[in-house]
Amino acid sequence: MSAKKTRQDVLRIIIQSKSFDNQEELLADLKSEGFNIAQPTLSRDLKQLKASKVYNKDGKYSYLLPADG
């Protein structure tokens, strides 16, 4: 499995496990999982995963993945 595929799989799990207001929080969690990437790489991954930033019930923004994964 490629590093990119592995990273994106971990990113999916992280996004589904909790709410993130911004990419910096996502980067911190990815770093704790061993992925030391830059913000532009995260931004490209989010675009490829078709993640959306939506307004949640708590009155904050969070990332959401499409239902088909």
Protein backbone atom coordinates (compact mmCIF):
# COMPACT_ATOMS: atom_id res chain seq x y z
CA MET A 1 0.00 0.00 0.00
CA SER A 2 1.34 3.44 -0.87
CA ALA A 3 2.14 6.04 1.77
CA LYS A 4 -0.49 8.36 0.28
CA LYS A 5 -3.22 5.70 0.42
CA THR A 6 -2.28 4.80 3.98
CA ARG A 7 -2.27 8.49 5.00
CA GLN A 8 -5.66 9.08 3.39
CA ASP A 9 -7.11 6.00 5.09
CA VAL A 10 -5.90 7.30 8.46
CA LEU A 11 -7.27 10.75 7.61
CA ARG A 12 -10.71 9.22 6.91
CA ILE A 13 -10.67 7.51 10.30
CA ILE A 14 -9.57 10.68 12.08
CA ILE A 15 -12.27 12.82 10.43
CA GLN A 16 -14.94 10.27 11.31
CA SER A 17 -13.78 9.96 14.91
CA LYS A 18 -14.09 13.60 16.01
CA SER A 19 -14.82 17.14 14.95
CA PHE A 20 -12.13 19.50 13.67
CA ASP A 21 -12.53 23.25 13.27
CA ASN A 22 -9.48 23.71 11.04
CA GLN A 23 -6.69 22.01 9.16
CA GLU A 24 -4.14 22.77 11.87
CA GLU A 25 -6.03 20.46 14.24
CA LEU A 26 -6.12 17.76 11.57
CA LEU A 27 -2.39 18.18 10.96
CA ALA A 28 -1.70 17.75 14.68
CA ASP A 29 -3.66 14.49 14.80
CA LEU A 30 -1.98 13.20 11.64
CA LYS A 31 1.40 14.05 13.15
CA SER A 32 0.51 12.08 16.29
CA GLU A 33 -0.21 9.14 13.98
CA GLY A 34 3.25 9.47 12.40
CA PHE A 35 2.40 11.49 9.28
CA ASN A 36 4.51 14.64 9.17
CA ILE A 37 2.99 16.48 6.19
CA ALA A 38 2.57 20.11 5.21
CA GLN A 39 -0.76 21.94 5.01
CA PRO A 40 -0.85 21.95 1.17
CA THR A 41 -0.60 18.13 1.19
CA LEU A 42 -3.46 17.91 3.68
CA SER A 43 -5.51 20.28 1.55
CA ARG A 44 -4.96 18.09 -1.53
CA ASP A 45 -5.87 14.97 0.46
CA LEU A 46 -9.09 16.58 1.68
CA LYS A 47 -9.98 17.56 -1.89
CA GLN A 48 -9.28 14.04 -3.18
CA LEU A 49 -11.39 12.56 -0.37
CA LYS A 50 -14.14 15.07 -1.26
CA ALA A 51 -14.28 16.25 2.33
CA SER A 52 -16.53 19.22 3.01
CA LYS A 53 -16.38 21.75 5.78
CA VAL A 54 -19.89 22.05 7.21
CA TYR A 55 -21.61 23.90 10.02
CA ASN A 56 -22.43 21.35 12.73
CA LYS A 57 -25.10 21.20 15.45
CA ASP A 58 -22.66 22.66 18.01
CA GLY A 59 -22.41 25.87 16.03
CA LYS A 60 -18.93 25.14 14.76
CA TYR A 61 -17.47 24.05 11.47
CA SER A 62 -16.27 20.50 11.02
CA TYR A 63 -15.12 18.26 8.18
CA LEU A 64 -17.49 15.71 6.69
CA LEU A 65 -16.80 12.92 4.20
CA PRO A 66 -19.30 11.88 1.54
CA ALA A 67 -21.51 8.93 2.48
CA ASP A 68 -19.98 6.67 -0.18
CA GLY A 69 -16.51 7.09 1.36
